[in-house]
Protein backbone atom coordinates (compact mmCIF):
# COMPACT_ATOMS: atom_id res chain seq x y z
CA MET A 1 74.01 222.47 20.19
CA ALA A 2 71.27 223.80 22.47
CA THR A 3 68.07 224.99 20.85
CA TRP A 4 65.29 227.31 21.94
CA LYS A 5 63.11 224.27 22.63
CA ASP A 6 65.72 223.02 25.10
CA ARG A 7 65.43 226.29 27.03
CA PHE A 8 61.66 226.28 27.49
CA ASP A 9 58.97 223.78 28.38
CA SER A 10 57.98 222.34 25.00
CA SER A 11 54.59 221.38 26.44
CA ILE A 12 53.66 225.06 26.62
CA ILE A 13 53.85 225.90 22.96
CA ASP A 14 55.57 224.79 19.76
CA PHE A 15 57.79 227.66 18.68
CA PHE A 16 58.83 226.42 15.26
CA PRO A 17 57.88 227.18 12.62
CA SER A 18 56.23 230.39 13.75
CA LEU A 19 55.57 233.98 12.83
CA GLY A 20 56.04 236.39 15.69
CA MET A 21 54.82 239.97 15.89
CA ASP A 22 55.54 242.76 18.34
CA GLU A 23 54.95 246.49 18.50
CA VAL A 24 57.12 249.42 19.49
CA GLY A 25 56.03 252.95 20.31
CA ARG A 26 52.54 252.37 21.66
CA GLY A 27 53.08 254.70 24.61
CA ALA A 28 55.14 257.37 22.90
CA LEU A 29 53.87 260.95 22.72
CA ALA A 30 55.26 261.49 19.22
CA GLY A 31 56.08 259.52 16.12
CA PRO A 32 54.70 256.28 14.69
CA LEU A 33 53.71 252.97 16.17
CA VAL A 34 55.76 250.23 14.49
CA VAL A 35 55.05 246.50 14.26
CA GLY A 36 57.72 243.96 13.39
CA ALA A 37 56.92 240.53 11.95
CA VAL A 38 59.43 237.68 11.68
CA TYR A 39 58.95 234.11 10.48
CA PHE A 40 61.43 231.37 11.31
CA ASP A 41 60.77 228.08 9.56
CA LYS A 42 63.80 226.45 11.20
CA ASP A 43 64.95 226.22 14.79
CA TYR A 44 67.55 228.95 14.50
CA MET A 45 69.75 229.59 17.49
CA ILE A 46 70.70 233.26 17.47
CA ASP A 47 72.96 234.12 20.38
CA GLY A 48 71.70 237.05 22.43
CA LEU A 49 68.19 237.07 21.00
CA LYS A 50 65.79 238.53 23.57
CA ASP A 51 63.22 241.25 24.15
CA SER A 52 64.53 244.44 22.52
CA LYS A 53 64.05 246.40 25.76
CA LEU A 54 66.72 244.25 27.40
CA LEU A 55 69.34 245.05 24.77
CA LYS A 56 71.66 247.96 24.16
CA ASP A 57 71.34 249.89 20.92
CA GLN A 58 74.43 248.34 19.30
CA GLU A 59 73.32 244.85 20.34
CA ARG A 60 69.91 245.41 18.75
CA ARG A 61 71.43 246.64 15.51
CA GLU A 62 73.80 243.70 15.23
CA LEU A 63 70.99 241.24 15.95
CA CYS A 64 68.71 243.03 13.51
CA ASP A 65 71.15 242.32 10.67
CA ILE A 66 71.41 238.64 11.68
CA ILE A 67 67.62 238.27 11.97
CA LYS A 68 67.04 239.70 8.51
CA ARG A 69 69.57 237.25 7.06
CA LYS A 70 68.27 234.16 8.84
CA ALA A 71 64.51 234.74 8.86
CA SER A 72 62.50 233.14 6.08
CA TYR A 73 60.29 236.24 6.05
CA TRP A 74 60.35 239.55 7.86
CA SER A 75 58.56 242.86 7.49
CA ILE A 76 57.64 246.13 9.18
CA GLY A 77 54.19 247.71 9.50
CA TRP A 78 53.67 251.37 10.35
CA ALA A 79 50.86 253.47 11.83
CA TYR A 80 51.73 257.16 11.82
CA HIS A 81 50.90 259.83 14.38
CA TRP A 82 48.00 261.27 12.38
CA GLU A 83 46.50 257.79 11.99
CA ILE A 84 46.77 257.19 15.75
CA ASP A 85 44.94 260.47 16.37
CA LYS A 86 42.29 259.67 13.79
CA LEU A 87 41.67 256.03 14.68
CA ASN A 88 42.80 255.56 18.35
CA ILE A 89 45.80 253.54 19.46
CA TYR A 90 44.12 250.12 19.33
CA SER A 91 42.86 250.54 15.77
CA ALA A 92 46.23 251.96 14.74
CA LEU A 93 47.92 248.87 16.18
CA VAL A 94 45.64 246.58 14.19
CA LEU A 95 46.34 248.66 11.08
CA ALA A 96 50.10 248.36 11.55
CA CYS A 97 49.75 244.60 12.09
CA LYS A 98 47.78 244.24 8.87
CA ARG A 99 50.39 246.25 6.99
CA ALA A 100 53.18 244.07 8.36
CA ILE A 101 51.41 240.94 7.13
CA LEU A 102 50.61 242.44 3.72
CA ASN A 103 54.22 243.62 3.32
CA MET A 104 55.38 240.08 4.00
CA ASN A 105 53.23 238.45 1.31
CA PHE A 106 53.06 235.35 3.47
CA LEU A 107 50.39 234.09 5.85
CA PRO A 108 51.31 231.36 8.35
CA GLU A 109 48.87 229.12 10.18
CA ALA A 110 49.43 230.87 13.50
CA ILE A 111 50.85 234.19 14.66
CA PHE A 112 52.30 234.77 18.11
CA PHE A 113 51.91 238.25 19.58
CA ASP A 114 53.32 239.73 22.75
CA GLY A 115 50.90 241.25 25.26
CA SER A 116 47.61 240.58 26.99
CA LEU A 117 45.15 242.28 24.61
CA LYS A 118 43.60 240.04 21.98
CA LEU A 119 43.23 241.91 18.71
CA LYS A 120 39.57 241.18 18.08
CA THR A 121 39.47 243.05 14.79
CA PHE A 122 42.71 241.56 13.44
CA PRO A 123 41.53 239.26 10.62
CA PHE A 124 44.22 236.58 11.03
CA LYS A 125 44.44 233.76 13.55
CA HIS A 126 46.78 234.76 16.35
CA ILE A 127 47.82 233.78 19.86
CA VAL A 128 48.52 236.53 22.40
CA PHE A 129 50.27 236.00 25.71
CA PRO A 130 52.37 238.11 28.10
CA LYS A 131 56.17 238.00 27.84
CA ALA A 132 56.03 236.33 24.44
CA ASP A 133 58.95 238.57 23.45
CA ARG A 134 61.00 236.73 26.10
CA LEU A 135 59.77 233.24 25.25
CA VAL A 136 59.16 232.96 21.51
CA PRO A 137 62.22 233.60 19.32
CA SER A 138 60.22 235.00 16.39
CA VAL A 139 58.48 237.49 18.71
CA ALA A 140 61.78 238.57 20.26
CA ALA A 141 63.17 239.01 16.75
CA ALA A 142 60.11 241.03 15.72
CA SER A 143 60.54 243.35 18.70
CA ILE A 144 64.16 243.96 17.70
CA ILE A 145 63.57 244.83 14.05
CA ALA A 146 60.61 247.05 15.02
CA LYS A 147 62.66 248.88 17.63
CA VAL A 148 65.56 249.51 15.24
CA ALA A 149 63.19 250.72 12.49
CA ARG A 150 61.39 253.13 14.81
CA ASP A 151 64.59 254.43 16.39
CA ASP A 152 66.01 255.16 12.94
CA TYR A 153 62.83 257.01 11.99
CA MET A 154 62.99 259.19 15.10
CA ILE A 155 66.72 259.85 14.63
CA ASN A 156 66.18 260.93 11.03
CA ILE A 157 63.17 263.12 11.72
CA SER A 158 64.96 264.77 14.64
CA LYS A 159 66.96 266.73 12.06
CA TYR A 160 63.78 268.66 11.21
CA TYR A 161 62.86 269.28 14.87
CA PRO A 162 66.23 269.75 16.61
CA ASP A 163 64.79 271.46 19.69
CA TYR A 164 62.84 268.34 20.68
CA LEU A 165 65.81 265.90 20.64
CA PHE A 166 63.72 263.05 19.26
CA ASP A 167 66.97 261.23 18.48
CA ILE A 168 67.57 260.84 22.22
CA HIS A 169 64.18 260.08 23.80
CA LYS A 170 62.51 258.72 20.63
CA GLY A 171 59.25 260.53 21.42
CA TYR A 172 58.62 258.99 24.84
CA GLY A 173 57.54 261.09 27.79
CA THR A 174 60.89 261.70 29.44
CA LYS A 175 61.40 264.61 31.82
CA PHE A 176 63.27 266.59 29.17
CA HIS A 177 60.63 265.90 26.52
CA LEU A 178 57.85 267.11 28.82
CA GLU A 179 59.81 270.26 29.67
CA VAL A 180 60.27 271.06 25.98
CA LEU A 181 56.57 270.48 25.34
CA GLU A 182 55.66 272.92 28.09
CA LYS A 183 57.86 275.57 26.50
CA LYS A 184 57.29 275.00 22.81
CA GLY A 185 54.03 273.09 22.46
CA LEU A 186 53.58 270.28 19.99
CA SER A 187 55.49 269.58 16.82
CA LYS A 188 53.86 268.24 13.68
CA ILE A 189 54.71 264.66 14.62
CA HIS A 190 53.22 264.70 18.12
CA ARG A 191 50.10 262.69 18.84
CA LYS A 192 47.50 265.27 19.80
CA THR A 193 45.32 262.70 21.55
CA PHE A 194 48.28 261.68 23.73
CA CYS A 195 49.15 265.24 24.70
CA ARG A 196 45.85 266.61 25.95
CA PHE A 197 47.42 267.15 29.36
CA LEU A 198 49.31 270.14 27.95
CA ASP A 199 47.97 273.65 28.46
CA LYS A 200 49.61 274.55 25.16
CA GLN A 201 47.63 272.02 23.21
CA ARG A 202 45.98 274.93 21.41
CA LEU A 203 49.34 275.65 19.78
CA CYS A 204 49.46 272.31 18.01
CA PHE A 205 49.54 272.15 14.25
CA GLU A 206 46.24 271.55 12.54
């Protein structure tokens, strides 16, 4: 049976065992930033595992269930909209990463993180490189569980703000979302610091 190591150049990096982390919602105008963390201590071959952005919703949800069954450890860390406004997005990301690790009650020797920005204030040893969510299975898995968790949050909270249709755009700056913001201003879960471009910013909730 083929393994992940067969698919990639093993001289680049040793994927197993590894803890992968990835974030979802960094660029959204509303709602939380969510970090997933997944640790595989065995070379699990999960069919269809890839960056969450490349998957359909049903595919993500099915994989999410498999990941949670097969992973040795997994967890979710949250940074909410008011924390993003108070701290800034970078500090909120670090906070969510710390919460994901603390929720896991497990600290591996190395953590792989998708992106190009090294988290200088993150207190744990980590390796950051672009497209890690397409190369490292634990990072791809982390992106999936984070995406499903955040989507569920936005779907549930949409019931309290039906006019904004958070269940559809999940808080990102789609054309419809921007049109609603121009008409209605900000809801309580919008990130004020991300919405300063709006003339109706003065209508936001304090």
